N, C-alpha and C. Protein backbone atom coordinates (compact mmCIF):
# COMPACT_ATOMS: atom_id res chain seq x y z
N MET A 1 0.92 -1.58 0.40
CA MET A 1 -0.11 0.01 0.00
C MET A 1 0.89 1.38 0.06
N SER A 2 0.56 2.15 -0.79
CA SER A 2 1.10 3.69 -0.69
C SER A 2 1.29 4.07 0.25
N GLN A 3 2.26 5.26 0.96
CA GLN A 3 1.96 6.01 1.61
C GLN A 3 0.60 6.86 1.46
N LYS A 4 0.25 7.47 0.71
CA LYS A 4 -0.56 8.55 0.23
C LYS A 4 -2.11 7.77 1.03
N LYS A 5 -2.20 6.00 0.44
CA LYS A 5 -2.91 5.48 1.13
C LYS A 5 -3.26 5.17 2.62
N ILE A 6 -2.10 4.86 2.86
CA ILE A 6 -1.79 4.48 4.54
C ILE A 6 -2.23 5.93 5.18
N LEU A 7 -1.89 7.19 4.91
CA LEU A 7 -2.00 8.44 5.47
C LEU A 7 -3.35 8.56 5.36
N THR A 8 -3.95 8.44 4.18
CA THR A 8 -5.51 8.64 3.67
C THR A 8 -6.40 7.77 5.02
N ARG A 9 -6.14 6.16 5.31
CA ARG A 9 -7.04 5.50 6.32
C ARG A 9 -6.56 6.12 7.37
N LEU A 10 -5.26 6.64 8.03
CA LEU A 10 -5.06 7.47 9.11
C LEU A 10 -5.85 8.37 9.73
N ALA A 11 -5.99 9.32 8.02
CA ALA A 11 -6.77 10.42 8.67
C ALA A 11 -8.19 10.23 8.45
N GLU A 12 -8.57 8.70 8.01
CA GLU A 12 -10.18 8.52 8.29
C GLU A 12 -10.40 8.37 9.62
N SER A 13 -9.71 7.64 9.92
CA SER A 13 -9.57 7.11 11.22
C SER A 13 -9.74 8.37 12.51
N GLY A 14 -9.20 9.29 12.24
CA GLY A 14 -8.90 10.59 13.36
C GLY A 14 -10.45 11.03 12.97
N VAL A 15 -11.05 11.50 11.81
CA VAL A 15 -12.35 11.49 11.63
C VAL A 15 -13.52 10.71 12.28
N LEU A 16 -13.07 9.53 12.53
CA LEU A 16 -14.13 8.35 13.04
C LEU A 16 -13.70 8.62 14.98
N TYR A 17 -12.74 8.76 15.26
CA TYR A 17 -12.60 9.00 16.44
C TYR A 17 -13.00 10.27 17.20
N HIS A 18 -12.86 11.48 16.38
CA HIS A 18 -13.33 12.67 16.40
C HIS A 18 -15.19 12.54 16.85
N SER A 19 -15.61 11.61 15.90
CA SER A 19 -17.37 11.23 15.79
C SER A 19 -17.26 10.23 17.05
N LYS A 20 -16.63 9.75 17.70
CA LYS A 20 -16.81 8.88 19.09
C LYS A 20 -16.62 9.69 20.11
N GLY A 21 -16.23 11.22 20.10
CA GLY A 21 -15.81 12.12 21.09
C GLY A 21 -14.80 11.62 21.75
N TRP A 22 -13.82 11.38 21.05
CA TRP A 22 -12.48 10.47 21.50
C TRP A 22 -11.54 11.72 21.01
N MET A 23 -11.83 12.84 20.31
CA MET A 23 -10.60 13.67 19.97
C MET A 23 -11.09 14.75 20.00
N PRO A 24 -12.11 15.46 20.67
CA PRO A 24 -12.63 16.70 20.55
C PRO A 24 -11.80 18.05 20.78
N GLY A 25 -12.53 18.94 20.36
CA GLY A 25 -11.59 20.09 19.96
C GLY A 25 -10.80 19.98 18.81
N THR A 26 -9.33 20.00 19.12
CA THR A 26 -8.13 20.15 18.53
C THR A 26 -7.91 18.77 19.30
N ALA A 27 -8.45 18.44 19.98
CA ALA A 27 -7.44 17.58 21.08
C ALA A 27 -6.84 15.82 20.35
N GLY A 28 -5.51 15.27 20.74
CA GLY A 28 -5.22 14.12 20.17
C GLY A 28 -4.34 14.56 18.89
N ASN A 29 -3.36 13.39 18.86
CA ASN A 29 -2.93 13.13 17.60
C ASN A 29 -2.89 11.88 17.48
N LEU A 30 -2.01 11.17 15.89
CA LEU A 30 -2.01 10.03 15.43
C LEU A 30 -0.87 9.99 14.67
N SER A 31 -0.36 8.84 14.65
CA SER A 31 1.10 8.66 13.88
C SER A 31 1.33 7.17 13.25
N ILE A 32 2.08 6.80 12.36
CA ILE A 32 2.32 5.79 11.68
C ILE A 32 3.57 5.85 11.42
N LYS A 33 4.32 4.94 11.07
CA LYS A 33 5.87 4.90 10.53
C LYS A 33 5.64 4.97 8.80
N ASP A 34 6.89 5.51 8.44
CA ASP A 34 6.82 5.73 7.08
C ASP A 34 6.99 3.84 6.63
N GLU A 35 6.41 4.22 5.34
CA GLU A 35 6.50 2.78 4.59
C GLU A 35 7.94 2.08 3.78
N LYS A 36 8.48 3.18 3.91
CA LYS A 36 9.87 2.94 3.37
C LYS A 36 10.99 3.02 4.51
N ASP A 37 10.98 3.67 5.45
CA ASP A 37 12.06 4.42 6.11
C ASP A 37 11.58 4.06 7.62
N PRO A 38 11.81 2.97 8.31
CA PRO A 38 11.40 2.51 9.85
C PRO A 38 11.89 3.72 10.76
N ASN A 39 12.89 4.55 10.31
CA ASN A 39 13.19 5.47 11.16
C ASN A 39 12.86 6.97 11.05
N VAL A 40 11.42 6.78 10.32
CA VAL A 40 10.64 8.00 10.00
C VAL A 40 9.39 8.14 10.21
N PHE A 41 8.68 8.65 11.08
CA PHE A 41 6.81 8.23 11.60
C PHE A 41 6.13 9.47 10.78
N TRP A 42 5.07 9.59 10.32
CA TRP A 42 4.11 10.39 10.00
C TRP A 42 3.37 11.13 10.87
N VAL A 43 3.55 12.50 11.93
CA VAL A 43 2.37 12.44 12.76
C VAL A 43 1.35 13.84 12.52
N SER A 44 0.41 13.70 12.68
CA SER A 44 -0.88 14.99 12.79
C SER A 44 -0.50 16.01 13.11
N GLY A 45 -0.78 17.13 12.25
CA GLY A 45 -0.01 18.41 12.70
C GLY A 45 -0.85 18.84 13.91
N SER A 46 -0.39 19.95 14.39
CA SER A 46 -0.91 20.99 15.59
C SER A 46 -2.31 21.79 15.31
N GLY A 47 -2.91 21.58 16.50
CA GLY A 47 -4.10 22.77 16.45
C GLY A 47 -4.98 22.28 15.23
N LEU A 48 -5.31 21.04 14.61
CA LEU A 48 -6.15 20.59 13.55
C LEU A 48 -7.41 20.27 13.96
N ASP A 49 -8.69 20.28 13.39
CA ASP A 49 -10.32 19.78 13.81
C ASP A 49 -9.82 18.26 13.29
N LYS A 50 -10.01 17.14 14.40
CA LYS A 50 -10.13 16.02 13.35
C LYS A 50 -11.18 15.76 12.52
N ASN A 51 -12.17 16.65 12.73
CA ASN A 51 -13.39 15.87 12.05
C ASN A 51 -13.02 16.31 10.65
N LYS A 52 -11.81 17.19 10.20
CA LYS A 52 -11.78 17.22 8.73
C LYS A 52 -10.66 16.80 8.29
N LEU A 53 -9.69 15.97 9.33
CA LEU A 53 -8.51 15.58 8.66
C LEU A 53 -8.24 14.88 7.80
N THR A 54 -7.28 15.07 6.56
CA THR A 54 -6.87 14.47 5.54
C THR A 54 -5.27 13.71 5.40
N ARG A 55 -4.85 13.60 4.48
CA ARG A 55 -3.52 13.02 4.67
C ARG A 55 -2.59 14.04 4.55
N LYS A 56 -3.28 15.11 3.78
CA LYS A 56 -2.18 16.59 4.03
C LYS A 56 -1.82 16.97 5.32
N ASP A 57 -2.53 16.31 6.25
CA ASP A 57 -2.10 17.15 7.49
C ASP A 57 -1.31 16.42 8.51
N PHE A 58 -0.19 15.27 7.70
CA PHE A 58 0.77 14.92 8.05
C PHE A 58 2.12 15.12 8.24
N LEU A 59 3.01 14.91 8.99
CA LEU A 59 4.64 15.64 9.05
C LEU A 59 5.06 14.25 9.23
N PRO A 60 6.61 14.44 8.34
CA PRO A 60 7.30 13.04 8.37
C PRO A 60 8.70 13.66 9.82
N VAL A 61 8.63 12.46 10.61
CA VAL A 61 9.23 13.47 11.87
C VAL A 61 10.60 11.90 11.87
N GLU A 62 11.44 12.17 12.11
CA GLU A 62 12.49 11.12 12.48
C GLU A 62 12.53 10.76 13.91
N ILE A 63 12.83 9.85 14.32
CA ILE A 63 12.59 9.32 15.28
C ILE A 63 13.27 9.15 16.44
N GLN A 64 14.82 9.46 16.03
CA GLN A 64 15.92 10.11 16.85
C GLN A 64 15.93 11.47 17.25
N SER A 65 15.68 12.22 16.29
CA SER A 65 16.25 13.43 16.40
C SER A 65 14.89 14.29 17.06
N GLY A 66 13.98 13.40 16.70
CA GLY A 66 12.23 14.58 16.73
C GLY A 66 12.31 15.51 15.93
N LYS A 67 12.74 15.53 14.70
CA LYS A 67 12.75 16.62 14.10
C LYS A 67 12.20 16.44 12.90
N VAL A 68 11.38 17.48 12.02
CA VAL A 68 10.32 16.96 10.53
C VAL A 68 11.79 16.54 9.93
N LEU A 69 11.73 15.82 9.09
CA LEU A 69 12.42 15.02 7.91
C LEU A 69 13.17 16.38 6.96
N GLU A 70 14.19 16.68 6.91
CA GLU A 70 14.72 17.79 6.21
C GLU A 70 14.50 17.65 4.86
N GLY A 71 14.14 18.56 4.36
CA GLY A 71 13.88 18.35 2.47
C GLY A 71 12.25 18.40 2.44
N TRP A 72 11.66 18.04 3.49
CA TRP A 72 10.15 18.15 3.26
C TRP A 72 9.68 19.18 3.15
N LYS A 73 8.34 19.33 1.85
CA LYS A 73 7.76 20.29 1.51
C LYS A 73 6.39 20.40 1.91
N GLY A 74 5.59 20.83 2.99
CA GLY A 74 4.43 20.23 3.19
C GLY A 74 3.50 21.76 3.01
N ARG A 75 1.98 21.56 3.52
CA ARG A 75 1.52 22.88 3.65
C ARG A 75 2.15 23.70 4.72
N GLU A 76 2.18 24.98 4.43
CA GLU A 76 3.06 26.31 4.98
C GLU A 76 2.13 26.62 6.18
N GLY A 77 3.01 26.21 7.31
CA GLY A 77 2.60 26.40 8.78
C GLY A 77 2.22 25.24 9.30
N LEU A 78 2.27 24.01 8.67
CA LEU A 78 1.50 22.91 9.35
C LEU A 78 3.04 22.70 10.43
N LYS A 79 2.81 22.20 12.07
CA LYS A 79 4.03 22.07 12.61
C LYS A 79 3.19 20.63 13.34
N PRO A 80 4.17 19.76 13.83
CA PRO A 80 4.11 18.31 14.42
C PRO A 80 3.01 18.90 15.46
N SER A 81 2.51 17.91 16.20
CA SER A 81 1.56 17.78 17.82
C SER A 81 2.82 18.29 18.56
N ALA A 82 1.97 18.92 19.23
CA ALA A 82 2.95 18.84 20.73
C ALA A 82 3.56 17.74 21.24
N GLU A 83 2.86 16.48 21.11
CA GLU A 83 2.87 15.31 21.87
C GLU A 83 3.28 14.53 20.93
N THR A 84 4.17 15.14 19.70
CA THR A 84 4.93 14.17 18.97
C THR A 84 5.92 13.38 19.95
N SER A 85 6.58 14.08 20.89
CA SER A 85 7.28 12.82 21.87
C SER A 85 6.77 12.40 22.21
N ILE A 86 5.76 11.94 22.74
CA ILE A 86 4.85 10.42 23.30
C ILE A 86 4.71 9.67 22.10
N HIS A 87 4.86 9.88 21.12
CA HIS A 87 4.75 8.51 19.78
C HIS A 87 6.38 8.42 19.80
N ARG A 88 7.10 9.03 19.73
CA ARG A 88 8.61 8.84 19.42
C ARG A 88 9.00 8.02 21.18
N ALA A 89 8.46 8.12 22.09
CA ALA A 89 8.69 7.28 23.13
C ALA A 89 8.08 5.95 22.58
N VAL A 90 7.02 5.93 22.24
CA VAL A 90 6.79 4.45 22.12
C VAL A 90 7.41 3.52 20.79
N TYR A 91 7.93 4.58 19.98
CA TYR A 91 8.89 3.89 18.68
C TYR A 91 10.08 3.64 19.02
N LYS A 92 10.55 4.20 20.26
CA LYS A 92 12.06 4.01 20.71
C LYS A 92 12.18 2.78 21.59
N ALA A 93 10.73 2.86 22.34
CA ALA A 93 11.19 1.58 23.21
C ALA A 93 10.16 0.22 22.48
N PHE A 94 9.73 0.39 21.11
CA PHE A 94 9.19 -0.63 20.51
C PHE A 94 9.33 -0.61 19.12
N PRO A 95 10.65 -0.67 18.83
CA PRO A 95 11.01 -0.88 17.61
C PRO A 95 10.31 -1.16 16.46
N GLU A 96 9.23 -2.37 16.48
CA GLU A 96 8.61 -3.30 15.80
C GLU A 96 7.67 -2.72 15.67
N MET A 97 6.94 -2.04 16.61
CA MET A 97 5.50 -0.99 16.23
C MET A 97 5.32 -0.20 14.93
N GLY A 98 4.38 0.45 14.49
CA GLY A 98 4.38 0.87 13.38
C GLY A 98 3.46 2.26 13.22
N CYS A 99 2.54 1.70 14.77
CA CYS A 99 1.32 2.87 14.38
C CYS A 99 0.91 3.34 15.89
N SER A 100 1.00 4.67 16.33
CA SER A 100 0.59 4.85 17.72
C SER A 100 -0.81 6.03 17.46
N LEU A 101 -1.53 5.84 18.30
CA LEU A 101 -2.66 6.76 18.61
C LEU A 101 -3.16 7.29 19.70
N HIS A 102 -2.62 8.70 19.82
CA HIS A 102 -3.37 9.31 21.06
C HIS A 102 -4.41 9.93 21.12
N VAL A 103 -5.35 9.48 22.13
CA VAL A 103 -6.80 10.00 21.95
C VAL A 103 -6.97 10.41 23.35
N HIS A 104 -8.10 11.05 23.64
CA HIS A 104 -9.04 11.51 24.71
C HIS A 104 -10.38 10.85 25.42
N THR A 105 -10.35 9.80 25.49
CA THR A 105 -11.54 9.06 25.75
C THR A 105 -12.23 9.52 27.09
N PRO A 106 -13.36 10.07 27.18
CA PRO A 106 -13.69 10.01 28.37
C PRO A 106 -13.50 9.18 29.64
N GLU A 107 -13.40 7.83 29.35
CA GLU A 107 -13.29 7.02 30.92
C GLU A 107 -11.38 6.93 31.08
N SER A 108 -11.18 7.44 29.54
CA SER A 108 -9.46 7.32 30.29
C SER A 108 -9.04 8.49 31.09
N ASN A 109 -9.80 9.82 30.83
CA ASN A 109 -9.68 11.07 31.68
C ASN A 109 -10.30 10.77 33.19
N LEU A 110 -11.03 9.68 33.55
CA LEU A 110 -11.56 9.70 34.28
C LEU A 110 -10.60 9.04 35.67
N ILE A 111 -9.39 8.60 34.82
CA ILE A 111 -8.60 7.59 35.62
C ILE A 111 -7.96 8.57 36.68
N GLU A 112 -8.11 8.22 38.19
CA GLU A 112 -7.32 9.12 38.78
C GLU A 112 -6.57 8.22 40.15
N ILE A 113 -5.09 7.93 39.93
CA ILE A 113 -4.97 6.87 40.92
C ILE A 113 -3.92 7.41 42.04
N GLY A 114 -3.73 9.27 41.76
CA GLY A 114 -2.45 9.49 42.77
C GLY A 114 -1.30 9.26 42.49
N VAL A 115 -1.19 9.52 40.91
CA VAL A 115 0.15 9.59 40.79
C VAL A 115 0.97 11.03 40.83
N SER A 116 2.04 11.36 40.93
CA SER A 116 2.77 12.58 41.18
C SER A 116 4.07 12.89 40.58
N LYS A 117 4.61 14.27 40.72
CA LYS A 117 5.95 14.33 40.61
C LYS A 117 6.94 13.62 41.42
N GLU A 118 6.66 13.23 42.81
CA GLU A 118 7.62 12.51 43.16
C GLU A 118 7.23 10.81 42.84
N ASN A 119 6.03 10.43 42.54
CA ASN A 119 5.54 9.47 42.05
C ASN A 119 4.83 9.17 40.87
N PRO A 120 5.80 9.26 39.48
CA PRO A 120 5.10 9.84 38.20
C PRO A 120 4.63 8.67 37.60
N ILE A 121 4.74 7.31 38.39
CA ILE A 121 4.03 5.84 37.29
C ILE A 121 3.48 4.93 38.34
N GLU A 122 2.11 4.38 38.20
CA GLU A 122 1.82 3.42 38.84
C GLU A 122 0.94 2.77 37.95
N ASP A 123 1.19 1.09 38.21
CA ASP A 123 0.08 0.34 37.40
C ASP A 123 -1.22 0.21 37.89
N LEU A 124 -1.92 0.13 37.16
CA LEU A 124 -3.62 0.11 37.36
C LEU A 124 -3.86 -1.45 36.97
N PRO A 125 -4.40 -2.03 37.74
CA PRO A 125 -4.42 -3.27 37.41
C PRO A 125 -5.93 -3.38 36.60
N LEU A 126 -6.08 -4.44 35.61
CA LEU A 126 -7.33 -4.32 34.58
C LEU A 126 -8.29 -5.47 34.90
N LEU A 127 -9.54 -5.43 34.73
CA LEU A 127 -10.41 -6.36 35.03
C LEU A 127 -10.02 -7.73 34.02
N PRO A 128 -10.40 -8.69 34.57
CA PRO A 128 -10.18 -10.00 33.28
C PRO A 128 -11.06 -10.38 32.69
N LEU A 129 -11.19 -9.02 31.90
CA LEU A 129 -12.22 -9.40 30.80
C LEU A 129 -11.61 -10.13 29.66
N GLU A 130 -12.84 -11.25 28.57
CA GLU A 130 -12.36 -11.70 27.78
C GLU A 130 -11.68 -10.82 26.77
N ILE A 131 -11.86 -9.54 26.77
CA ILE A 131 -11.60 -8.62 25.57
C ILE A 131 -10.00 -8.44 25.76
N ILE A 132 -9.55 -9.08 26.55
CA ILE A 132 -8.02 -8.83 26.91
C ILE A 132 -7.25 -9.87 25.59
N LYS A 133 -8.19 -10.69 25.59
CA LYS A 133 -7.32 -11.26 24.44
C LYS A 133 -6.98 -10.66 23.15
N ALA A 134 -7.88 -9.49 22.66
CA ALA A 134 -7.32 -8.66 21.91
C ALA A 134 -5.78 -8.18 21.81
N PHE A 135 -5.82 -8.28 22.85
CA PHE A 135 -4.31 -7.84 22.92
C PHE A 135 -3.28 -9.02 22.73
N GLY A 136 -3.67 -10.24 22.63
CA GLY A 136 -2.64 -11.71 22.02
C GLY A 136 -2.64 -12.30 23.59
N ILE A 137 -3.57 -11.72 24.54
CA ILE A 137 -3.21 -12.20 26.11
C ILE A 137 -4.19 -13.42 25.94
N TRP A 138 -3.88 -14.69 26.12
CA TRP A 138 -4.98 -15.79 26.48
C TRP A 138 -5.10 -16.45 27.61
N ASP A 139 -4.24 -15.86 29.05
CA ASP A 139 -4.37 -16.31 30.07
C ASP A 139 -5.57 -16.39 30.51
N GLU A 140 -5.94 -17.71 31.59
CA GLU A 140 -7.11 -17.86 31.74
C GLU A 140 -6.94 -16.63 33.29
N ASN A 141 -8.01 -15.96 33.56
CA ASN A 141 -8.04 -14.99 34.53
C ASN A 141 -7.18 -14.28 34.52
N PRO A 142 -6.52 -13.63 33.65
CA PRO A 142 -5.22 -12.89 33.30
C PRO A 142 -5.22 -11.67 34.32
N ASN A 143 -3.66 -11.74 34.78
CA ASN A 143 -3.39 -10.62 35.97
C ASN A 143 -2.62 -9.73 35.22
N VAL A 144 -3.27 -8.81 34.78
CA VAL A 144 -2.50 -7.52 34.01
C VAL A 144 -3.04 -5.99 34.19
N ALA A 145 -1.76 -5.22 34.05
CA ALA A 145 -2.07 -3.78 34.59
C ALA A 145 -1.86 -3.12 33.58
N VAL A 146 -1.87 -1.60 33.58
CA VAL A 146 -1.80 -0.53 32.42
C VAL A 146 -0.94 0.54 33.38
N PRO A 147 0.03 0.99 32.89
CA PRO A 147 0.89 2.08 33.33
C PRO A 147 0.12 3.42 33.66
N VAL A 148 0.07 4.19 34.42
CA VAL A 148 -0.75 5.21 34.35
C VAL A 148 0.44 6.22 34.95
N LEU A 149 0.74 7.51 33.91
CA LEU A 149 1.30 8.27 34.20
C LEU A 149 1.16 9.67 34.66
N TYR A 150 1.94 10.49 35.52
CA TYR A 150 1.39 11.75 36.05
C TYR A 150 1.28 12.73 34.62
N ASN A 151 0.63 13.65 34.65
CA ASN A 151 0.27 14.49 33.47
C ASN A 151 1.21 15.71 34.04
N TYR A 152 2.47 15.79 33.82
CA TYR A 152 2.97 16.93 33.86
C TYR A 152 3.14 18.15 32.53
N PRO A 153 2.98 19.36 32.97
CA PRO A 153 2.44 20.26 32.32
C PRO A 153 3.70 20.08 31.02
N LYS A 154 4.44 19.85 31.37
CA LYS A 154 5.45 19.80 29.90
C LYS A 154 5.61 18.20 29.31
N VAL A 155 4.99 18.42 27.98
CA VAL A 155 5.14 16.71 27.23
C VAL A 155 5.91 16.34 27.16
N GLN A 156 7.25 16.82 27.18
CA GLN A 156 8.39 16.23 27.13
C GLN A 156 8.97 15.13 28.41
N ASP A 157 8.40 15.90 29.40
CA ASP A 157 9.02 15.16 30.97
C ASP A 157 7.73 13.71 30.71
N ILE A 158 6.54 14.11 30.35
CA ILE A 158 5.57 12.99 30.57
C ILE A 158 6.68 11.71 29.54
N SER A 159 6.93 12.15 28.36
CA SER A 159 7.31 11.29 27.37
C SER A 159 8.84 10.49 27.90
N ASP A 160 9.24 11.30 28.42
CA ASP A 160 11.20 10.83 28.99
C ASP A 160 10.70 9.81 29.75
N HIS A 161 9.51 9.69 30.87
CA HIS A 161 9.05 8.86 31.86
C HIS A 161 8.27 7.79 31.07
N LEU A 162 7.45 7.83 30.41
CA LEU A 162 7.30 6.65 29.24
C LEU A 162 8.06 6.22 28.89
N GLU A 163 8.82 6.44 28.30
CA GLU A 163 10.09 5.87 27.45
C GLU A 163 10.99 4.85 27.82
N LYS A 164 11.26 5.59 29.50
CA LYS A 164 11.83 4.81 30.66
C LYS A 164 11.41 3.70 30.96
N HIS A 165 9.80 3.83 31.23
CA HIS A 165 8.80 2.77 31.80
C HIS A 165 9.01 1.41 30.76
N LEU A 166 8.53 2.10 29.33
CA LEU A 166 8.36 0.99 28.28
C LEU A 166 9.44 0.41 27.85
N THR A 167 10.50 0.77 28.08
CA THR A 167 12.12 0.20 27.86
C THR A 167 12.55 -0.55 29.03
N GLU A 168 12.19 -0.61 30.03
CA GLU A 168 12.66 -1.31 30.90
C GLU A 168 11.48 -2.21 31.83
N THR A 169 10.09 -1.98 31.79
CA THR A 169 9.17 -3.11 32.17
C THR A 169 8.14 -3.76 30.91
N LYS A 170 8.43 -3.27 29.50
CA LYS A 170 7.81 -4.07 28.50
C LYS A 170 6.61 -4.56 28.93
N PRO A 171 5.76 -3.63 29.29
CA PRO A 171 4.06 -4.05 29.83
C PRO A 171 3.56 -4.65 28.74
N ARG A 172 2.80 -5.54 29.38
CA ARG A 172 2.27 -6.56 28.48
C ARG A 172 0.82 -6.14 27.79
N VAL A 173 0.85 -5.09 28.16
CA VAL A 173 -0.68 -4.34 27.39
C VAL A 173 0.07 -3.23 26.48
N PRO A 174 -0.68 -3.17 25.20
CA PRO A 174 0.03 -1.99 24.24
C PRO A 174 -0.70 -0.83 24.29
N PHE A 175 -0.83 -0.03 25.60
CA PHE A 175 -1.35 1.14 26.08
C PHE A 175 -1.22 1.83 27.21
N CYS A 176 -1.15 2.96 27.60
CA CYS A 176 -0.96 3.37 28.65
C CYS A 176 -1.89 4.65 28.61
N ILE A 177 -2.14 4.81 30.28
CA ILE A 177 -2.68 6.19 30.54
C ILE A 177 -2.26 7.57 30.86
N ILE A 178 -2.41 8.80 30.74
CA ILE A 178 -1.77 9.61 31.18
C ILE A 178 -2.92 10.46 32.32
N GLU A 179 -3.05 10.11 33.39
CA GLU A 179 -3.94 10.74 34.26
C GLU A 179 -4.49 12.16 33.81
N LYS A 180 -6.01 12.43 34.12
CA LYS A 180 -6.43 13.27 33.72
C LYS A 180 -6.12 13.72 32.07
N HIS A 181 -5.91 12.88 31.19
CA HIS A 181 -5.14 13.40 30.04
C HIS A 181 -5.84 12.77 28.94
N GLY A 182 -5.36 11.50 29.01
CA GLY A 182 -6.18 10.88 27.82
C GLY A 182 -5.07 8.90 27.65
N ILE A 183 -5.38 8.47 26.75
CA ILE A 183 -4.96 7.29 26.14
C ILE A 183 -4.01 7.11 24.77
N THR A 184 -2.97 6.27 25.04
CA THR A 184 -1.90 6.00 24.06
C THR A 184 -2.28 4.46 23.64
N VAL A 185 -2.33 4.42 22.51
CA VAL A 185 -2.28 2.61 22.19
C VAL A 185 -1.09 2.58 20.91
N TRP A 186 -0.84 1.31 20.73
CA TRP A 186 0.33 1.05 19.60
C TRP A 186 -0.01 -0.34 19.45
N GLY A 187 0.19 -0.40 18.06
CA GLY A 187 0.33 -1.92 17.45
C GLY A 187 1.11 -1.64 16.38
N LYS A 188 1.41 -3.21 15.45
CA LYS A 188 2.16 -3.16 14.47
C LYS A 188 1.75 -2.29 13.29
N ASP A 189 0.55 -2.00 13.24
CA ASP A 189 0.06 -1.36 12.15
C ASP A 189 -1.13 -0.79 12.42
N LEU A 190 -2.03 -0.39 11.61
CA LEU A 190 -2.95 1.05 11.82
C LEU A 190 -4.29 -0.05 12.23
N ILE A 191 -4.59 -1.32 11.77
CA ILE A 191 -5.25 -2.35 12.07
C ILE A 191 -5.66 -3.09 13.50
N GLN A 192 -4.20 -3.21 13.79
CA GLN A 192 -4.08 -3.41 15.00
C GLN A 192 -4.02 -2.77 16.09
N ALA A 193 -3.08 -1.47 16.06
CA ALA A 193 -3.38 -0.44 16.72
C ALA A 193 -5.02 0.10 17.03
N ASN A 194 -5.55 0.06 15.97
CA ASN A 194 -7.16 0.64 16.19
C ASN A 194 -8.19 -0.85 17.14
N ARG A 195 -7.56 -1.97 17.07
CA ARG A 195 -8.03 -2.83 17.69
C ARG A 195 -7.80 -2.96 18.95
N HIS A 196 -6.12 -2.29 18.87
CA HIS A 196 -6.29 -2.31 20.68
C HIS A 196 -6.57 -1.16 21.31
N LEU A 197 -6.93 0.05 20.29
CA LEU A 197 -7.62 1.13 21.02
C LEU A 197 -9.12 0.42 21.57
N GLU A 198 -10.01 -0.18 20.38
CA GLU A 198 -11.18 -0.32 20.90
C GLU A 198 -11.24 -1.07 22.13
N ALA A 199 -10.45 -2.20 22.11
CA ALA A 199 -10.45 -3.16 23.34
C ALA A 199 -9.98 -2.24 24.64
N ALA A 200 -8.95 -1.14 24.51
CA ALA A 200 -8.72 -0.60 25.82
C ALA A 200 -9.91 0.40 26.53
N ASP A 201 -10.53 0.52 25.32
CA ASP A 201 -11.73 1.88 25.65
C ASP A 201 -12.46 0.82 26.24
N PHE A 202 -13.37 -0.03 26.03
CA PHE A 202 -14.19 -1.35 26.39
C PHE A 202 -13.42 -1.33 27.68
N LEU A 203 -12.47 -2.11 27.78
CA LEU A 203 -12.20 -2.25 29.26
C LEU A 203 -12.61 -0.74 30.35
N LEU A 204 -12.07 0.41 29.81
CA LEU A 204 -11.64 1.26 30.88
C LEU A 204 -13.39 1.89 30.87
N LYS A 205 -14.29 1.49 29.89
CA LYS A 205 -15.74 1.83 30.21
C LYS A 205 -16.39 0.90 31.21
N VAL A 206 -16.08 -0.41 31.06
CA VAL A 206 -16.74 -1.32 31.99
C VAL A 206 -16.15 -0.98 33.41
N ARG A 207 -15.06 -0.67 33.23
CA ARG A 207 -14.49 -0.19 34.70
C ARG A 207 -15.13 0.96 35.47
N ALA A 208 -15.19 1.78 34.58
CA ALA A 208 -16.18 3.21 34.99
C ALA A 208 -17.53 2.54 35.22
N MET A 209 -18.07 1.60 34.88
CA MET A 209 -19.48 0.94 35.28
C MET A 209 -19.65 0.23 36.36
N SER A 210 -18.86 -0.26 36.33
CA SER A 210 -18.25 -1.18 37.68
C SER A 210 -18.01 -0.39 39.01
N LYS A 211 -17.92 0.86 38.88
CA LYS A 211 -17.51 1.14 40.45
C LYS A 211 -18.58 1.93 41.13
């Protein structure tokens, strides 16, 4: 599949997530690895209404440097999302992953477990529901947890802690939560990342209903 078609499908996903209330206003951002260069990913631009997202709203960013690919000429004034570093953290920790989705589902925003600057990451146990099989976890009564991060004012602080945690612990579930902020999921491609997002949203919905 060409890069244009891949970005078109990713843009269409953004429109869908907006309709679900997961990307209200200009919130959230989406990214996917470059089809030919695994050291580059395409991320949605800053301040865009996701209900109008198109393939021309994405920029190529180098994973290691975090800079827009040299020589790229796109729409004038388009800048990478402020949360581009979150996507970089995922790709640096998991080089085999090819897509990262950062959205603001209502249930993920309701998560509050007392993380702080002094204690920036805590694991949140997940209910042992059937839907966990969507993550490739087939344990009977699975005992798994999702990392919840403190919502630092500077996104780079969030990303630094996230990258360190993902690299050191390799959590079994392919998503994380930023307290009072949103959820980030990842997968080998858009299809898998979307599947993980739907499963994670379901788990958090059931958790909210059971409280």
